[in-house]
């Protein structure tokens, strides 16, 4: 088990609900999102900066 601190840049969406879905979709590519927050919005570039903590399960192989 490992946790990671992630900074991500997400395209702004038409509605807040869609933005939440897009953020979670992007974070799930890395692991299970434990918590996240939008820390900055750039309206000119139409981007949102997100800071997150994600949980990643690490599988170890034991060679025998």
N, C-alpha and C. Protein backbone atom coordinates (compact mmCIF):
# COMPACT_ATOMS: atom_id res chain seq x y z
N UNK A 1 0.83 -1.18 0.00
CA UNK A 1 0.00 0.00 0.00
C UNK A 1 0.88 1.24 0.00
N UNK A 2 0.54 2.17 -0.86
CA UNK A 2 1.31 3.40 -0.97
C UNK A 2 0.35 4.56 -1.19
N UNK A 3 0.65 5.69 -0.58
CA UNK A 3 -0.12 6.89 -0.87
C UNK A 3 0.77 7.84 -1.66
N UNK A 4 0.14 8.60 -2.54
CA UNK A 4 0.86 9.56 -3.37
C UNK A 4 0.18 10.91 -3.29
N UNK A 5 0.99 11.96 -3.26
CA UNK A 5 0.48 13.32 -3.37
C UNK A 5 0.55 13.70 -4.84
N UNK A 6 -0.56 14.10 -5.42
CA UNK A 6 -0.66 14.36 -6.85
C UNK A 6 -1.06 15.81 -7.09
N UNK A 7 -0.40 16.43 -8.06
CA UNK A 7 -0.84 17.71 -8.61
C UNK A 7 -1.29 17.43 -10.03
N UNK A 8 -2.51 17.84 -10.35
CA UNK A 8 -3.04 17.58 -11.69
C UNK A 8 -3.68 18.84 -12.24
N UNK A 9 -3.68 18.94 -13.57
CA UNK A 9 -4.34 20.04 -14.25
C UNK A 9 -5.48 19.44 -15.07
N UNK A 10 -6.70 19.91 -14.79
CA UNK A 10 -7.91 19.35 -15.39
C UNK A 10 -8.60 20.44 -16.20
N UNK A 11 -9.12 20.07 -17.38
CA UNK A 11 -9.90 21.02 -18.17
C UNK A 11 -11.20 21.34 -17.44
N UNK A 12 -11.57 22.62 -17.42
CA UNK A 12 -12.84 23.01 -16.83
C UNK A 12 -13.99 22.42 -17.64
N UNK A 13 -15.07 22.07 -16.97
CA UNK A 13 -16.23 21.45 -17.59
C UNK A 13 -17.41 22.41 -17.56
N UNK A 14 -18.47 22.04 -18.26
CA UNK A 14 -19.66 22.88 -18.35
C UNK A 14 -20.37 23.03 -17.01
N UNK A 15 -20.32 22.00 -16.18
CA UNK A 15 -21.03 22.05 -14.90
C UNK A 15 -20.14 21.51 -13.79
N UNK A 16 -20.37 21.91 -12.55
CA UNK A 16 -19.56 21.41 -11.43
C UNK A 16 -19.61 19.89 -11.30
N UNK A 17 -20.76 19.29 -11.56
CA UNK A 17 -20.87 17.84 -11.49
C UNK A 17 -19.96 17.14 -12.47
N UNK A 18 -19.88 17.67 -13.68
CA UNK A 18 -19.00 17.08 -14.69
C UNK A 18 -17.54 17.28 -14.30
N UNK A 19 -17.21 18.42 -13.67
CA UNK A 19 -15.84 18.66 -13.23
C UNK A 19 -15.45 17.62 -12.18
N UNK A 20 -16.34 17.36 -11.22
CA UNK A 20 -16.06 16.35 -10.19
C UNK A 20 -15.80 14.99 -10.83
N UNK A 21 -16.63 14.61 -11.80
CA UNK A 21 -16.47 13.32 -12.47
C UNK A 21 -15.14 13.26 -13.21
N UNK A 22 -14.77 14.34 -13.89
CA UNK A 22 -13.51 14.36 -14.65
C UNK A 22 -12.31 14.27 -13.72
N UNK A 23 -12.36 14.97 -12.59
CA UNK A 23 -11.26 14.91 -11.62
C UNK A 23 -11.11 13.49 -11.09
N UNK A 24 -12.20 12.88 -10.67
CA UNK A 24 -12.13 11.53 -10.12
C UNK A 24 -11.67 10.52 -11.17
N UNK A 25 -12.10 10.70 -12.41
CA UNK A 25 -11.69 9.82 -13.50
C UNK A 25 -10.18 9.90 -13.71
N UNK A 26 -9.63 11.11 -13.71
CA UNK A 26 -8.19 11.28 -13.90
C UNK A 26 -7.39 10.69 -12.73
N UNK A 27 -7.87 10.92 -11.51
CA UNK A 27 -7.17 10.42 -10.33
C UNK A 27 -7.22 8.90 -10.25
N UNK A 28 -8.32 8.30 -10.70
CA UNK A 28 -8.45 6.85 -10.65
C UNK A 28 -7.48 6.15 -11.61
N UNK A 29 -6.91 6.87 -12.55
CA UNK A 29 -5.88 6.31 -13.43
C UNK A 29 -4.62 5.99 -12.62
N UNK A 30 -4.44 6.68 -11.50
CA UNK A 30 -3.26 6.52 -10.66
C UNK A 30 -3.55 5.59 -9.48
N UNK A 31 -4.73 5.72 -8.89
CA UNK A 31 -5.08 4.91 -7.72
C UNK A 31 -6.47 5.29 -7.23
N UNK A 32 -6.72 4.99 -5.97
CA UNK A 32 -8.01 5.30 -5.36
C UNK A 32 -7.90 6.67 -4.69
N UNK A 33 -8.69 7.66 -5.13
CA UNK A 33 -8.61 8.98 -4.51
C UNK A 33 -9.10 8.93 -3.06
N UNK A 34 -8.25 9.38 -2.14
CA UNK A 34 -8.66 9.47 -0.74
C UNK A 34 -9.26 10.84 -0.46
N UNK A 35 -8.63 11.88 -1.01
CA UNK A 35 -9.17 13.23 -0.90
C UNK A 35 -8.54 14.07 -1.98
N UNK A 36 -9.25 15.11 -2.39
CA UNK A 36 -8.71 16.03 -3.39
C UNK A 36 -9.35 17.39 -3.21
N UNK A 37 -8.68 18.41 -3.75
CA UNK A 37 -9.20 19.78 -3.67
C UNK A 37 -8.75 20.56 -4.89
N UNK A 38 -9.64 21.39 -5.40
CA UNK A 38 -9.28 22.33 -6.45
C UNK A 38 -8.57 23.49 -5.76
N UNK A 39 -7.32 23.74 -6.15
CA UNK A 39 -6.53 24.77 -5.47
C UNK A 39 -6.38 26.04 -6.28
N UNK A 40 -6.68 25.98 -7.58
CA UNK A 40 -6.54 27.16 -8.43
C UNK A 40 -7.37 26.96 -9.69
N UNK A 41 -7.96 28.03 -10.18
CA UNK A 41 -8.70 27.99 -11.44
C UNK A 41 -8.15 29.09 -12.34
N UNK A 42 -7.75 28.69 -13.55
CA UNK A 42 -7.27 29.64 -14.55
C UNK A 42 -8.35 29.77 -15.61
N UNK A 43 -9.12 30.86 -15.53
CA UNK A 43 -10.24 31.02 -16.45
C UNK A 43 -9.79 31.29 -17.87
N UNK A 44 -8.62 31.92 -18.04
CA UNK A 44 -8.12 32.17 -19.40
C UNK A 44 -7.79 30.87 -20.12
N UNK A 45 -7.10 29.97 -19.42
CA UNK A 45 -6.71 28.68 -20.01
C UNK A 45 -7.80 27.62 -19.85
N UNK A 46 -8.85 27.93 -19.07
CA UNK A 46 -9.93 26.99 -18.79
C UNK A 46 -9.39 25.70 -18.15
N UNK A 47 -8.53 25.89 -17.12
CA UNK A 47 -7.92 24.76 -16.41
C UNK A 47 -8.15 24.92 -14.91
N UNK A 48 -8.26 23.79 -14.22
CA UNK A 48 -8.33 23.77 -12.77
C UNK A 48 -7.15 22.97 -12.26
N UNK A 49 -6.44 23.49 -11.28
CA UNK A 49 -5.36 22.76 -10.63
C UNK A 49 -5.93 22.00 -9.45
N UNK A 50 -5.57 20.73 -9.35
CA UNK A 50 -6.10 19.86 -8.30
C UNK A 50 -4.93 19.25 -7.54
N UNK A 51 -5.03 19.26 -6.21
CA UNK A 51 -4.09 18.55 -5.36
C UNK A 51 -4.84 17.38 -4.75
N UNK A 52 -4.22 16.21 -4.73
CA UNK A 52 -4.92 15.02 -4.27
C UNK A 52 -3.98 14.06 -3.56
N UNK A 53 -4.58 13.25 -2.72
CA UNK A 53 -3.91 12.10 -2.11
C UNK A 53 -4.60 10.87 -2.67
N UNK A 54 -3.81 9.98 -3.29
CA UNK A 54 -4.39 8.75 -3.84
C UNK A 54 -3.70 7.55 -3.21
N UNK A 55 -4.43 6.49 -3.10
CA UNK A 55 -3.96 5.23 -2.53
C UNK A 55 -3.71 4.26 -3.66
N UNK A 56 -2.54 3.66 -3.65
CA UNK A 56 -2.21 2.68 -4.68
C UNK A 56 -1.81 1.39 -4.00
N UNK A 57 -2.47 0.31 -4.38
CA UNK A 57 -2.14 -0.99 -3.83
C UNK A 57 -0.99 -1.56 -4.65
N UNK A 58 0.07 -1.92 -3.97
CA UNK A 58 1.26 -2.45 -4.63
C UNK A 58 1.29 -3.97 -4.43
N UNK A 59 1.40 -4.68 -5.51
CA UNK A 59 1.48 -6.15 -5.43
C UNK A 59 2.93 -6.57 -5.53
N UNK A 60 3.36 -7.31 -4.55
CA UNK A 60 4.73 -7.81 -4.54
C UNK A 60 4.76 -9.25 -4.96
N UNK A 61 5.73 -9.59 -5.81
CA UNK A 61 5.90 -10.98 -6.22
C UNK A 61 7.07 -11.56 -5.42
N UNK A 62 6.87 -12.74 -4.92
CA UNK A 62 7.95 -13.42 -4.21
C UNK A 62 8.41 -14.54 -5.12
N UNK A 63 9.68 -14.47 -5.50
CA UNK A 63 10.24 -15.52 -6.36
C UNK A 63 10.63 -16.70 -5.49
N UNK A 64 10.19 -17.88 -5.89
CA UNK A 64 10.57 -19.06 -5.10
C UNK A 64 11.29 -20.06 -5.96
